[in-house]
Amino acid sequence: MNHTQEKPMMLFNNKGFTLIEIAIVLIIIGIIIGAVVKGKDVMKSAQQKQLYTKYLKAWELTYNNYYDRTGWILGDDASDNNATRDGQCGNGGVASEGNIQGQLDMVGIDPPAQGSTGSILQRTYTDSQGIRRTLQLAFDNDTNLGNFIRIYSTNGIPYDLGMAWDRVVDGTMDGTAGNLRYTANYTAASIVTAAWPDADAASVANSAILFLLEF
């Protein structure tokens, strides 16, 4: 009797991905990556606009409200009652948070809400390089620029935020013109404005965003 041993049939599929299939996968991956990047850009833009509305613009409105109610300049001097008034912010030294709060309290005006640091004059922001900065607001004056809000930080300002605000305020990114400007040295006797550096450029310690005030 012959016994024939049946060998198991081995099925091999040597078929790989076609170029079309690989292209489709790459397109899908590109779409996903693009959506993630776009989503981050949208979130960053929303954060920048919120900071503008609830911080910079809110303080401009507070400044104008104080002037309308009193005829005085908020932060005219470093006292709680603008005792020495000459129409210039920072007369006798830049007014501290306590001075600003005191000036507003005297006429019944509430300041913008506190930021995450517990200060009405401070906010935090993470720039395009992932560096978290504490922004400080002050009312200041320059012979050529007049009264303005100065936004600064210990290690310099985030340029991406300044440029985003400039687009909102002036419709363009020109640090030398319009109501929102840039300076590399706010401590200079006469402030010189300049074009915005690249968003990812290393920040200059004495750099500042200058928001010019109406009066």
C-alpha atoms as a PDB file:
ATOM      1  CA  MET A   1       0.000   0.000   0.000  1.00  0.00           C
ATOM      2  CA  ASN A   2       1.445   3.325  -1.005  1.00  0.00           C
ATOM      3  CA  HIS A   3       0.986   6.122   1.438  1.00  0.00           C
ATOM      4  CA  THR A   4       1.571   9.481  -0.115  1.00  0.00           C
ATOM      5  CA  GLN A   5       2.315  12.186   2.412  1.00  0.00           C
ATOM      6  CA  GLU A   6       0.423  15.306   1.669  1.00  0.00           C
ATOM      7  CA  LYS A   7       2.515  18.400   2.146  1.00  0.00           C
ATOM      8  CA  PRO A   8       0.769  21.423   3.620  1.00  0.00           C
ATOM      9  CA  MET A   9       0.160  24.103   1.115  1.00  0.00           C
ATOM     10  CA  MET A  10       2.129  27.234   1.968  1.00  0.00           C
ATOM     11  CA  LEU A  11       0.598  30.452   0.826  1.00  0.00           C
ATOM     12  CA  PHE A  12       2.936  33.365   0.369  1.00  0.00           C
ATOM     13  CA  ASN A  13       1.840  36.898  -0.361  1.00  0.00           C
ATOM     14  CA  ASN A  14       4.734  38.875  -1.637  1.00  0.00           C
ATOM     15  CA  LYS A  15       2.608  41.779  -2.647  1.00  0.00           C
ATOM     16  CA  GLY A  16       3.844  45.086  -1.079  1.00  0.00           C
ATOM     17  CA  PHE A  17       2.362  48.537  -0.931  1.00  0.00           C
ATOM     18  CA  THR A  18       1.941  50.204  -4.251  1.00  0.00           C
ATOM     19  CA  LEU A  19       3.228  53.721  -4.841  1.00  0.00           C
ATOM     20  CA  ILE A  20      -0.341  54.973  -4.881  1.00  0.00           C
ATOM     21  CA  GLU A  21      -1.045  53.452  -1.469  1.00  0.00           C
ATOM     22  CA  ILE A  22       2.146  54.928  -0.004  1.00  0.00           C
ATOM     23  CA  ALA A  23       1.271  58.315  -1.468  1.00  0.00           C
ATOM     24  CA  ILE A  24      -2.208  58.160   0.084  1.00  0.00           C
ATOM     25  CA  VAL A  25      -0.731  57.308   3.504  1.00  0.00           C
ATOM     26  CA  LEU A  26       1.749  60.175   3.248  1.00  0.00           C
ATOM     27  CA  ILE A  27      -1.035  62.582   2.272  1.00  0.00           C
ATOM     28  CA  ILE A  28      -3.125  61.490   5.265  1.00  0.00           C
ATOM     29  CA  ILE A  29      -0.137  61.922   7.613  1.00  0.00           C
ATOM     30  CA  GLY A  30       0.499  65.374   6.133  1.00  0.00           C
ATOM     31  CA  ILE A  31      -3.121  66.361   6.666  1.00  0.00           C
ATOM     32  CA  ILE A  32      -2.975  65.228  10.304  1.00  0.00           C
ATOM     33  CA  ILE A  33       0.286  67.091  10.963  1.00  0.00           C
ATOM     34  CA  GLY A  34      -1.069  70.195   9.237  1.00  0.00           C
ATOM     35  CA  ALA A  35      -4.229  70.074  11.335  1.00  0.00           C
ATOM     36  CA  VAL A  36      -2.195  69.794  14.545  1.00  0.00           C
ATOM     37  CA  VAL A  37       0.053  72.724  13.585  1.00  0.00           C
ATOM     38  CA  LYS A  38      -2.943  74.775  12.486  1.00  0.00           C
ATOM     39  CA  GLY A  39      -4.700  73.986  15.735  1.00  0.00           C
ATOM     40  CA  LYS A  40      -1.705  75.211  17.738  1.00  0.00           C
ATOM     41  CA  ASP A  41      -1.562  78.399  15.661  1.00  0.00           C
ATOM     42  CA  VAL A  42      -5.259  79.020  16.245  1.00  0.00           C
ATOM     43  CA  MET A  43      -4.854  78.505  20.003  1.00  0.00           C
ATOM     44  CA  LYS A  44      -1.830  80.818  20.119  1.00  0.00           C
ATOM     45  CA  SER A  45      -3.667  83.486  18.144  1.00  0.00           C
ATOM     46  CA  ALA A  46      -6.656  83.219  20.475  1.00  0.00           C
ATOM     47  CA  GLN A  47      -4.380  83.597  23.509  1.00  0.00           C
ATOM     48  CA  GLN A  48      -2.710  86.678  22.002  1.00  0.00           C
ATOM     49  CA  LYS A  49      -6.053  88.314  21.231  1.00  0.00           C
ATOM     50  CA  GLN A  50      -7.385  87.518  24.692  1.00  0.00           C
ATOM     51  CA  LEU A  51      -4.311  89.108  26.281  1.00  0.00           C
ATOM     52  CA  TYR A  52      -4.820  92.165  24.133  1.00  0.00           C
ATOM     53  CA  THR A  53      -8.511  92.496  25.044  1.00  0.00           C
ATOM     54  CA  LYS A  54      -8.337  91.683  28.756  1.00  0.00           C
ATOM     55  CA  TYR A  55      -4.964  93.225  29.521  1.00  0.00           C
ATOM     56  CA  LEU A  56      -3.647  95.907  27.167  1.00  0.00           C
ATOM     57  CA  LYS A  57      -6.989  97.195  25.859  1.00  0.00           C
ATOM     58  CA  ALA A  58      -8.601  96.852  29.286  1.00  0.00           C
ATOM     59  CA  TRP A  59      -5.966  99.128  30.800  1.00  0.00           C
ATOM     60  CA  GLU A  60      -6.351 101.656  27.990  1.00  0.00           C
ATOM     61  CA  LEU A  61     -10.091 101.802  28.726  1.00  0.00           C
ATOM     62  CA  THR A  62      -9.381 102.168  32.456  1.00  0.00           C
ATOM     63  CA  TYR A  63      -6.964 105.009  31.710  1.00  0.00           C
ATOM     64  CA  ASN A  64      -9.537 106.777  29.521  1.00  0.00           C
ATOM     65  CA  ASN A  65     -12.295 106.224  32.083  1.00  0.00           C
ATOM     66  CA  TYR A  66     -10.130 107.733  34.809  1.00  0.00           C
ATOM     67  CA  TYR A  67      -9.429 110.784  32.650  1.00  0.00           C
ATOM     68  CA  ASP A  68     -13.093 111.217  31.726  1.00  0.00           C
ATOM     69  CA  ARG A  69     -14.117 111.081  35.370  1.00  0.00           C
ATOM     70  CA  THR A  70     -11.361 113.255  36.847  1.00  0.00           C
ATOM     71  CA  GLY A  71      -9.584 115.194  34.121  1.00  0.00           C
ATOM     72  CA  TRP A  72      -6.365 113.720  35.529  1.00  0.00           C
ATOM     73  CA  ILE A  73      -3.847 111.313  34.030  1.00  0.00           C
ATOM     74  CA  LEU A  74      -3.683 107.863  35.597  1.00  0.00           C
ATOM     75  CA  GLY A  75      -0.160 107.288  36.816  1.00  0.00           C
ATOM     76  CA  ASP A  76       0.666 111.000  36.560  1.00  0.00           C
ATOM     77  CA  ASP A  77       2.927 110.588  39.568  1.00  0.00           C
ATOM     78  CA  ALA A  78       3.954 107.961  42.073  1.00  0.00           C
ATOM     79  CA  SER A  79       1.353 108.848  44.686  1.00  0.00           C
ATOM     80  CA  ASP A  80      -2.070 107.451  45.487  1.00  0.00           C
ATOM     81  CA  ASN A  81      -3.861 110.693  44.652  1.00  0.00           C
ATOM     82  CA  ASN A  82      -1.877 112.224  41.748  1.00  0.00           C
ATOM     83  CA  ALA A  83      -0.730 114.932  44.147  1.00  0.00           C
ATOM     84  CA  THR A  84       1.795 116.401  41.705  1.00  0.00           C
ATOM     85  CA  ARG A  85       0.086 116.583  38.346  1.00  0.00           C
ATOM     86  CA  ASP A  86       1.655 117.781  35.121  1.00  0.00           C
ATOM     87  CA  GLY A  87      -0.196 115.608  32.599  1.00  0.00           C
ATOM     88  CA  GLN A  88       2.711 113.193  32.180  1.00  0.00           C
ATOM     89  CA  CYS A  89       2.731 109.580  33.314  1.00  0.00           C
ATOM     90  CA  GLY A  90       5.654 108.736  35.543  1.00  0.00           C
ATOM     91  CA  ASN A  91       6.171 112.199  37.005  1.00  0.00           C
ATOM     92  CA  GLY A  92       8.217 111.635  40.147  1.00  0.00           C
ATOM     93  CA  GLY A  93       8.756 107.980  39.225  1.00  0.00           C
ATOM     94  CA  VAL A  94       6.617 105.313  37.578  1.00  0.00           C
ATOM     95  CA  ALA A  95       3.544 104.656  39.697  1.00  0.00           C
ATOM     96  CA  SER A  96       3.564 101.313  41.481  1.00  0.00           C
ATOM     97  CA  GLU A  97       0.668  98.874  41.512  1.00  0.00           C
ATOM     98  CA  GLY A  98      -0.365 100.224  44.914  1.00  0.00           C
ATOM     99  CA  ASN A  99      -0.323 103.795  43.594  1.00  0.00           C
ATOM    100  CA  ILE A 100      -2.409 102.876  40.544  1.00  0.00           C
ATOM    101  CA  GLN A 101      -4.885 100.935  42.680  1.00  0.00           C
ATOM    102  CA  GLY A 102      -5.092 103.870  45.104  1.00  0.00           C
ATOM    103  CA  GLN A 103      -5.738 106.401  42.342  1.00  0.00           C
ATOM    104  CA  LEU A 104      -8.546 104.263  40.959  1.00  0.00           C
ATOM    105  CA  ASP A 105     -10.038 103.552  44.403  1.00  0.00           C
ATOM    106  CA  MET A 106     -10.298 107.271  45.141  1.00  0.00           C
ATOM    107  CA  VAL A 107     -12.719 107.756  42.243  1.00  0.00           C
ATOM    108  CA  GLY A 108     -14.501 104.399  42.405  1.00  0.00           C
ATOM    109  CA  ILE A 109     -13.062 102.755  39.281  1.00  0.00           C
ATOM    110  CA  ASP A 110     -12.284  99.047  39.269  1.00  0.00           C
ATOM    111  CA  PRO A 111      -9.048  97.991  37.555  1.00  0.00           C
ATOM    112  CA  PRO A 112      -8.837  95.018  35.179  1.00  0.00           C
ATOM    113  CA  ALA A 113      -8.934  91.670  36.962  1.00  0.00           C
ATOM    114  CA  GLN A 114      -5.797  90.166  38.472  1.00  0.00           C
ATOM    115  CA  GLY A 115      -3.670  87.828  36.402  1.00  0.00           C
ATOM    116  CA  SER A 116      -2.372  84.415  37.438  1.00  0.00           C
ATOM    117  CA  THR A 117       0.397  86.047  39.506  1.00  0.00           C
ATOM    118  CA  GLY A 118      -2.166  87.848  41.658  1.00  0.00           C
ATOM    119  CA  SER A 119      -1.228  91.250  40.225  1.00  0.00           C
ATOM    120  CA  ILE A 120      -3.480  93.629  38.301  1.00  0.00           C
ATOM    121  CA  LEU A 121      -0.462  94.836  36.304  1.00  0.00           C
ATOM    122  CA  GLN A 122       1.016  91.439  35.415  1.00  0.00           C
ATOM    123  CA  ARG A 123       0.145  88.613  33.041  1.00  0.00           C
ATOM    124  CA  THR A 124       2.005  85.475  31.974  1.00  0.00           C
ATOM    125  CA  TYR A 125       2.633  84.390  28.406  1.00  0.00           C
ATOM    126  CA  THR A 126       4.509  81.504  26.785  1.00  0.00           C
ATOM    127  CA  ASP A 127       6.261  82.722  23.654  1.00  0.00           C
ATOM    128  CA  SER A 128       6.954  80.949  20.360  1.00  0.00           C
ATOM    129  CA  GLN A 129      10.127  79.430  21.815  1.00  0.00           C
ATOM    130  CA  GLY A 130       8.274  77.901  24.742  1.00  0.00           C
ATOM    131  CA  ILE A 131       9.669  80.433  27.222  1.00  0.00           C
ATOM    132  CA  ARG A 132       7.179  81.481  29.889  1.00  0.00           C
ATOM    133  CA  ARG A 133       7.412  85.188  30.616  1.00  0.00           C
ATOM    134  CA  THR A 134       5.832  87.430  33.228  1.00  0.00           C
ATOM    135  CA  LEU A 135       4.662  90.606  31.524  1.00  0.00           C
ATOM    136  CA  GLN A 136       4.633  93.837  33.528  1.00  0.00           C
ATOM    137  CA  LEU A 137       2.575  96.926  32.687  1.00  0.00           C
ATOM    138  CA  ALA A 138       3.561 100.495  33.549  1.00  0.00           C
ATOM    139  CA  PHE A 139       2.328 103.957  32.611  1.00  0.00           C
ATOM    140  CA  ASP A 140       5.229 105.986  31.236  1.00  0.00           C
ATOM    141  CA  ASN A 141       6.066 109.098  29.229  1.00  0.00           C
ATOM    142  CA  ASP A 142       8.595 110.155  26.603  1.00  0.00           C
ATOM    143  CA  THR A 143       9.200 113.631  25.204  1.00  0.00           C
ATOM    144  CA  ASN A 144       8.587 112.500  21.633  1.00  0.00           C
ATOM    145  CA  LEU A 145       6.021 109.758  22.209  1.00  0.00           C
ATOM    146  CA  GLY A 146       3.913 111.359  24.939  1.00  0.00           C
ATOM    147  CA  ASN A 147       2.099 109.125  27.437  1.00  0.00           C
ATOM    148  CA  PHE A 148       2.075 105.403  26.769  1.00  0.00           C
ATOM    149  CA  ILE A 149       1.548 101.989  28.321  1.00  0.00           C
ATOM    150  CA  ARG A 150       4.813 100.089  28.543  1.00  0.00           C
ATOM    151  CA  ILE A 151       4.802  96.283  28.514  1.00  0.00           C
ATOM    152  CA  TYR A 152       8.109  94.765  29.548  1.00  0.00           C
ATOM    153  CA  SER A 153       9.596  91.681  31.183  1.00  0.00           C
ATOM    154  CA  THR A 154      12.700  90.839  33.178  1.00  0.00           C
ATOM    155  CA  ASN A 155      14.243  88.879  30.309  1.00  0.00           C
ATOM    156  CA  GLY A 156      12.772  90.945  27.485  1.00  0.00           C
ATOM    157  CA  ILE A 157       9.446  90.886  25.711  1.00  0.00           C
ATOM    158  CA  PRO A 158       8.074  88.067  23.534  1.00  0.00           C
ATOM    159  CA  TYR A 159       8.372  89.396  19.984  1.00  0.00           C
ATOM    160  CA  ASP A 160       5.642  87.142  18.596  1.00  0.00           C
ATOM    161  CA  LEU A 161       3.136  88.709  20.996  1.00  0.00           C
ATOM    162  CA  GLY A 162       4.225  92.238  20.153  1.00  0.00           C
ATOM    163  CA  MET A 163       3.876  91.636  16.423  1.00  0.00           C
ATOM    164  CA  ALA A 164       0.473  89.991  16.884  1.00  0.00           C
ATOM    165  CA  TRP A 165      -0.742  92.984  18.913  1.00  0.00           C
ATOM    166  CA  ASP A 166       0.652  95.367  16.293  1.00  0.00           C
ATOM    167  CA  ARG A 167      -1.468  93.654  13.634  1.00  0.00           C
ATOM    168  CA  VAL A 168      -4.545  94.052  15.846  1.00  0.00           C
ATOM    169  CA  VAL A 169      -3.884  97.701  16.712  1.00  0.00           C
ATOM    170  CA  ASP A 170      -2.377  99.086  13.509  1.00  0.00           C
ATOM    171  CA  GLY A 171      -3.174  96.410  10.927  1.00  0.00           C
ATOM    172  CA  THR A 172       0.525  95.917  10.195  1.00  0.00           C
ATOM    173  CA  MET A 173       3.765  94.862  11.892  1.00  0.00           C
ATOM    174  CA  ASP A 174       5.727  98.121  11.960  1.00  0.00           C
ATOM    175  CA  GLY A 175       7.404  98.786  15.285  1.00  0.00           C
ATOM    176  CA  THR A 176       8.328 102.326  14.268  1.00  0.00           C
ATOM    177  CA  ALA A 177       4.898 103.737  13.432  1.00  0.00           C
ATOM    178  CA  GLY A 178       1.283 103.657  14.541  1.00  0.00           C
ATOM    179  CA  ASN A 179      -0.129 103.375  18.053  1.00  0.00           C
ATOM    180  CA  LEU A 180       1.806 100.253  18.995  1.00  0.00           C
ATOM    181  CA  ARG A 181       5.590 100.320  18.730  1.00  0.00           C
ATOM    182  CA  TYR A 182       8.745  98.472  19.722  1.00  0.00           C
ATOM    183  CA  THR A 183      11.888  99.670  21.469  1.00  0.00           C
ATOM    184  CA  ALA A 184      15.043  97.751  22.312  1.00  0.00           C
ATOM    185  CA  ASN A 185      15.778 100.054  25.257  1.00  0.00           C
ATOM    186  CA  TYR A 186      12.973 101.669  27.229  1.00  0.00           C
ATOM    187  CA  THR A 187      15.493 103.032  29.779  1.00  0.00           C
ATOM    188  CA  ALA A 188      17.014 105.468  27.278  1.00  0.00           C
ATOM    189  CA  ALA A 189      16.642 109.190  28.002  1.00  0.00           C
ATOM    190  CA  SER A 190      14.871 109.524  24.646  1.00  0.00           C
ATOM    191  CA  ILE A 191      13.240 106.318  23.467  1.00  0.00           C
ATOM    192  CA  VAL A 192      14.069 105.117  19.978  1.00  0.00           C
ATOM    193  CA  THR A 193      11.553 102.834  18.276  1.00  0.00           C
ATOM    194  CA  ALA A 194      12.663 100.086  15.901  1.00  0.00           C
ATOM    195  CA  ALA A 195      11.440  97.422  13.515  1.00  0.00           C
ATOM    196  CA  TRP A 196      10.338  94.162  15.086  1.00  0.00           C
ATOM    197  CA  PRO A 197      13.048  91.492  15.339  1.00  0.00           C
ATOM    198  CA  ASP A 198      12.302  87.958  14.127  1.00  0.00           C
ATOM    199  CA  ALA A 199       9.762  86.204  16.322  1.00  0.00           C
ATOM    200  CA  ASP A 200      12.341  83.611  17.407  1.00  0.00           C
ATOM    201  CA  ALA A 201      15.189  86.089  17.972  1.00  0.00           C
ATOM    202  CA  ALA A 202      16.762  86.247  21.431  1.00  0.00           C
ATOM    203  CA  SER A 203      14.972  88.863  23.524  1.00  0.00           C
ATOM    204  CA  VAL A 204      16.770  92.014  24.636  1.00  0.00           C
ATOM    205  CA  ALA A 205      16.520  92.643  28.384  1.00  0.00           C
ATOM    206  CA  ASN A 206      15.345  96.285  28.129  1.00  0.00           C
ATOM    207  CA  SER A 207      13.024  95.744  25.178  1.00  0.00           C
ATOM    208  CA  ALA A 208       9.402  96.834  25.502  1.00  0.00           C
ATOM    209  CA  ILE A 209       6.069  97.112  23.760  1.00  0.00           C
ATOM    210  CA  LEU A 210       4.840 100.712  23.713  1.00  0.00           C
ATOM    211  CA  PHE A 211       1.117 101.410  23.388  1.00  0.00           C
ATOM    212  CA  LEU A 212       0.615 105.133  22.783  1.00  0.00           C
ATOM    213  CA  LEU A 213      -2.211 106.797  24.699  1.00  0.00           C
ATOM    214  CA  GLU A 214      -4.537 109.505  23.398  1.00  0.00           C
ATOM    215  CA  PHE A 215      -3.591 112.054  26.059  1.00  0.00           C
END
